[in-house]
Amino acid sequence: MQVRPNILQQTLETAITFLYPAQCQVCEKQIGLESVPYMCETCWHDMPLIEPPCCEMCGIPNTEDVCDECVTKPPPYGKLRTIAFYEAALQQAMHLFKFEKRTALAKPLTQLTIEHFPDDCNIAEYDFILPIPIHKKRLRERGFNQATLLANGIAKTTGVQVVTDVLVRHRNTSPQSSLDRAARQTNIVGAFELQKKKVAQNKRILVLDDVYTTGATVHEAVKVLWNADPVEIDVLTLARALDPV
């Protein structure tokens, strides 16, 4: 009987995993045949998920309807949703992913996003996902854009297109994580520029970023995107800082 190559490959990979268990990319515990790639079950279940209720606009947790800040000063997007808090295992995983180039963590982080996609944020309704761009200099230094890797993973599962050439980061700003709240607001102003405006015209866009802290980056990006005349712009972030500085 002839065995198909893909079955042979799966059998070989299973045998290798069993004989030589991998390490969890977060806690370095030895793992074998886990349901989540590159992460142990303990770290996976330690992800601090954000549960409703949350503000209908900015998504701040533990808020019914619309929060006072959004009533006073509505954000530029329709709604923003986040998968989990930026703490515990998720904070460690994202630090390793982003700053120590553990790109294998893109798979479990994408899986986390897909499994806990907000109920009121239907991915099929969007024309494309737009990951927040990073400057070309930082892209060369890091080797990847973490938001683009996450977007590509979501697209592979959902079939929604990823677009990366509509919005560019034409000014190389200081890392937002190194600045306080006031400095973040001014640092990001004028950092983005529109290209290929017609691609976004009359489209429903889901902007994707890795971490929401003060909101300065996504606010600036969305404001620039509106100049392309889309129908709708919503935002999804993987993590949200508990106490943004």
Protein backbone atom coordinates (compact mmCIF):
# COMPACT_ATOMS: atom_id res chain seq x y z
CA MET A 1 0.00 0.00 0.00
CA GLN A 2 1.33 3.42 -0.93
CA VAL A 3 1.33 6.02 1.84
CA ARG A 4 0.86 9.64 0.81
CA PRO A 5 3.85 11.94 1.51
CA ASN A 6 1.88 14.30 3.76
CA ILE A 7 0.86 11.41 6.02
CA LEU A 8 4.48 10.28 6.24
CA GLN A 9 5.54 13.82 7.12
CA GLN A 10 2.89 14.13 9.86
CA THR A 11 3.94 10.77 11.31
CA LEU A 12 7.60 11.81 11.30
CA GLU A 13 6.85 15.18 12.94
CA THR A 14 4.79 13.47 15.64
CA ALA A 15 7.59 11.01 16.35
CA ILE A 16 10.19 13.79 16.56
CA THR A 17 8.00 15.82 18.91
CA PHE A 18 7.47 12.78 21.13
CA LEU A 19 11.14 11.84 21.27
CA TYR A 20 12.49 15.39 21.48
CA PRO A 21 9.91 17.60 23.23
CA ALA A 22 10.15 21.31 22.50
CA GLN A 23 10.40 24.05 25.09
CA CYS A 24 7.61 26.48 25.82
CA GLN A 25 8.70 29.75 24.25
CA VAL A 26 7.44 31.65 27.30
CA CYS A 27 8.47 29.70 30.42
CA GLU A 28 10.91 27.22 28.79
CA LYS A 29 9.09 24.24 30.26
CA GLN A 30 9.48 21.04 28.22
CA ILE A 31 6.35 20.40 26.18
CA GLY A 32 5.30 17.53 23.99
CA LEU A 33 2.12 17.09 21.98
CA GLU A 34 0.34 20.26 23.08
CA SER A 35 -2.76 21.71 21.44
CA VAL A 36 -1.10 25.12 21.18
CA PRO A 37 2.12 25.43 19.14
CA TYR A 38 5.27 26.60 20.98
CA MET A 39 3.47 27.22 24.27
CA CYS A 40 2.64 25.05 27.27
CA GLU A 41 -0.91 24.68 28.55
CA THR A 42 -0.09 26.58 31.76
CA CYS A 43 1.04 29.70 29.92
CA TRP A 44 -1.83 29.40 27.45
CA HIS A 45 -4.44 29.34 30.21
CA ASP A 46 -2.67 32.19 32.02
CA MET A 47 -3.67 34.63 29.29
CA PRO A 48 -5.67 37.44 30.98
CA LEU A 49 -8.61 37.69 28.59
CA ILE A 50 -10.80 40.78 28.45
CA GLU A 51 -14.44 39.96 29.01
CA PRO A 52 -17.52 42.14 28.47
CA PRO A 53 -18.86 44.59 29.39
CA CYS A 54 -16.68 47.22 27.77
CA CYS A 55 -17.19 50.65 26.25
CA GLU A 56 -18.96 50.33 22.91
CA MET A 57 -16.44 52.69 21.34
CA CYS A 58 -12.97 52.58 22.93
CA GLY A 59 -13.39 49.12 24.45
CA ILE A 60 -12.23 50.06 27.93
CA PRO A 61 -13.24 47.13 30.20
CA ASN A 62 -15.85 47.12 32.97
CA THR A 63 -17.91 49.82 31.28
CA GLU A 64 -21.53 49.66 30.20
CA ASP A 65 -22.58 51.43 26.98
CA VAL A 66 -20.22 54.34 26.17
CA CYS A 67 -17.64 55.61 28.66
CA ASP A 68 -17.60 59.24 29.79
CA GLU A 69 -14.41 60.04 27.87
CA CYS A 70 -15.86 58.79 24.57
CA VAL A 71 -19.05 60.78 25.16
CA THR A 72 -16.98 63.92 25.70
CA LYS A 73 -14.41 63.25 22.97
CA PRO A 74 -15.38 60.43 20.58
CA PRO A 75 -12.42 58.51 19.13
CA PRO A 76 -11.71 58.65 15.38
CA TYR A 77 -12.57 54.96 14.85
CA GLY A 78 -15.94 53.25 15.10
CA LYS A 79 -14.91 50.82 17.81
CA LEU A 80 -11.78 49.36 19.32
CA ARG A 81 -11.60 45.87 20.76
CA THR A 82 -8.78 44.01 22.52
CA ILE A 83 -8.25 40.32 23.19
CA ALA A 84 -6.44 40.38 26.56
CA PHE A 85 -4.67 42.52 29.13
CA TYR A 86 -0.97 43.20 28.67
CA GLU A 87 0.17 41.30 31.74
CA ALA A 88 1.17 37.84 32.99
CA ALA A 89 2.01 35.27 30.31
CA LEU A 90 0.79 37.48 27.47
CA GLN A 91 3.11 40.34 28.38
CA GLN A 92 6.06 37.97 28.55
CA ALA A 93 5.13 36.25 25.30
CA MET A 94 4.74 39.55 23.44
CA HIS A 95 8.05 40.86 24.77
CA LEU A 96 9.83 37.73 23.55
CA PHE A 97 7.99 37.92 20.23
CA LYS A 98 8.62 41.58 19.55
CA PHE A 99 11.99 42.40 21.13
CA GLU A 100 13.79 39.05 21.24
CA LYS A 101 12.60 37.97 17.80
CA ARG A 102 10.83 34.77 18.90
CA THR A 103 8.74 34.81 15.74
CA ALA A 104 7.50 31.26 16.46
CA LEU A 105 5.21 32.91 19.01
CA ALA A 106 3.25 34.49 16.16
CA LYS A 107 1.37 31.18 15.83
CA PRO A 108 -0.02 30.88 19.38
CA LEU A 109 -0.67 34.63 19.56
CA THR A 110 -2.61 34.44 16.31
CA GLN A 111 -4.51 31.42 17.63
CA LEU A 112 -5.35 33.36 20.79
CA THR A 113 -6.71 36.23 18.69
CA ILE A 114 -8.83 34.00 16.48
CA GLU A 115 -10.25 31.89 19.32
CA HIS A 116 -11.27 34.97 21.32
CA PHE A 117 -12.30 37.33 18.55
CA PRO A 118 -14.88 39.75 20.02
CA ASP A 119 -18.49 38.81 19.27
CA ASP A 120 -19.32 42.32 18.06
CA CYS A 121 -16.33 42.47 15.70
CA ASN A 122 -17.18 40.19 12.76
CA ILE A 123 -14.01 39.70 10.73
CA ALA A 124 -15.99 38.70 7.62
CA GLU A 125 -17.54 42.17 7.40
CA TYR A 126 -14.22 43.89 6.69
CA ASP A 127 -12.73 44.33 3.24
CA PHE A 128 -9.21 44.03 4.58
CA ILE A 129 -6.96 44.05 7.63
CA LEU A 130 -4.44 46.88 7.85
CA PRO A 131 -1.58 46.24 10.30
CA ILE A 132 -0.04 49.35 11.84
CA PRO A 133 3.16 49.92 9.85
CA ILE A 134 6.62 50.44 11.30
CA HIS A 135 9.33 52.58 9.72
CA LYS A 136 11.55 50.89 7.14
CA LYS A 137 14.63 51.46 9.28
CA ARG A 138 13.07 49.66 12.25
CA LEU A 139 11.83 46.95 9.91
CA ARG A 140 15.40 46.35 8.76
CA GLU A 141 16.67 46.25 12.34
CA ARG A 142 13.96 43.92 13.67
CA GLY A 143 13.45 41.90 10.51
CA PHE A 144 9.65 41.84 10.76
CA ASN A 145 6.58 43.87 11.67
CA GLN A 146 4.85 42.05 14.52
CA ALA A 147 1.43 43.45 13.55
CA THR A 148 1.86 42.17 9.99
CA LEU A 149 2.78 38.67 11.19
CA LEU A 150 -0.37 38.59 13.33
CA ALA A 151 -2.49 39.94 10.47
CA ASN A 152 -1.14 37.32 8.07
CA GLY A 153 -1.99 34.57 10.56
CA ILE A 154 -5.54 35.85 10.92
CA ALA A 155 -5.89 36.17 7.15
CA LYS A 156 -4.70 32.59 6.62
CA THR A 157 -7.49 31.31 8.86
CA THR A 158 -10.29 33.71 7.90
CA GLY A 159 -9.52 34.50 4.26
CA VAL A 160 -9.70 38.26 4.83
CA GLN A 161 -7.10 40.15 2.80
CA VAL A 162 -4.15 41.95 4.41
CA VAL A 163 -3.15 45.31 2.92
CA THR A 164 0.20 46.90 3.79
CA ASP A 165 0.70 49.54 1.10
CA VAL A 166 -2.08 52.02 1.90
CA LEU A 167 -0.56 53.49 5.06
CA VAL A 168 3.20 53.92 5.55
CA ARG A 169 5.27 55.19 8.44
CA HIS A 170 7.39 57.76 6.68
CA ARG A 171 8.93 59.29 9.85
CA ASN A 172 11.10 57.20 12.14
CA THR A 173 9.80 58.14 15.59
CA SER A 174 11.21 57.22 18.98
CA PRO A 175 9.77 53.95 20.35
CA GLN A 176 6.47 54.76 22.05
CA SER A 177 7.30 52.34 24.89
CA SER A 178 10.19 54.61 25.94
CA LEU A 179 8.00 57.71 26.39
CA ASP A 180 5.46 58.97 28.89
CA ARG A 181 1.84 59.69 27.97
CA ALA A 182 2.35 63.33 26.96
CA ALA A 183 5.43 62.57 24.87
CA ARG A 184 3.66 59.71 23.07
CA GLN A 185 0.97 62.07 21.82
CA THR A 186 3.43 64.48 20.22
CA ASN A 187 5.94 61.85 19.12
CA ILE A 188 3.56 60.11 16.73
CA VAL A 189 2.02 63.22 15.08
CA GLY A 190 2.77 63.26 11.36
CA ALA A 191 4.39 59.81 11.42
CA PHE A 192 1.99 58.22 8.90
CA GLU A 193 1.36 58.93 5.24
CA LEU A 194 -1.25 57.68 2.79
CA GLN A 195 -0.40 55.80 -0.38
CA LYS A 196 -2.76 54.19 -2.89
CA LYS A 197 -5.79 55.99 -1.47
CA LYS A 198 -8.17 54.32 -3.93
CA VAL A 199 -7.48 50.92 -2.35
CA ALA A 200 -9.15 52.14 0.86
CA GLN A 201 -11.91 54.22 -0.71
CA ASN A 202 -15.41 53.01 0.25
CA LYS A 203 -13.90 50.08 2.15
CA ARG A 204 -14.47 48.69 5.64
CA ILE A 205 -11.07 48.49 7.31
CA LEU A 206 -9.91 46.66 10.42
CA VAL A 207 -6.72 48.26 11.74
CA LEU A 208 -4.59 45.79 13.69
CA ASP A 209 -1.91 46.56 16.29
CA ASP A 210 -0.15 44.48 18.92
CA VAL A 211 -0.46 46.58 22.10
CA TYR A 212 -2.81 49.42 23.03
CA THR A 213 -1.32 51.68 25.68
CA THR A 214 -2.39 55.34 25.46
CA GLY A 215 -3.97 54.96 22.02
CA ALA A 216 -1.76 57.62 20.44
CA THR A 217 -0.53 55.39 17.61
CA VAL A 218 -3.89 54.02 16.49
CA HIS A 219 -5.55 57.42 16.83
CA GLU A 220 -2.97 59.03 14.56
CA ALA A 221 -3.10 56.18 12.03
CA VAL A 222 -6.90 56.21 11.85
CA LYS A 223 -7.04 59.99 11.44
CA VAL A 224 -4.74 59.74 8.42
CA LEU A 225 -6.70 56.80 6.98
CA TRP A 226 -9.94 58.78 6.90
CA ASN A 227 -8.39 60.92 4.16
CA ALA A 228 -8.78 57.92 1.85
CA ASP A 229 -12.61 58.06 2.29
CA PRO A 230 -13.26 54.56 3.67
CA VAL A 231 -16.76 53.60 4.85
CA GLU A 232 -15.70 52.29 8.24
CA ILE A 233 -12.56 51.98 10.37
CA ASP A 234 -12.44 49.75 13.44
CA VAL A 235 -9.41 48.74 15.49
CA LEU A 236 -8.34 45.41 17.00
CA THR A 237 -5.36 45.02 19.31
CA LEU A 238 -4.02 41.84 20.83
CA ALA A 239 -3.21 43.39 24.20
CA ARG A 240 -4.20 46.41 26.28
CA ALA A 241 -2.09 47.93 29.04
CA LEU A 242 -3.83 48.02 32.41
CA ASP A 243 -2.33 51.29 33.62
CA PRO A 244 -1.04 53.26 30.63
CA VAL A 245 1.63 55.81 31.60
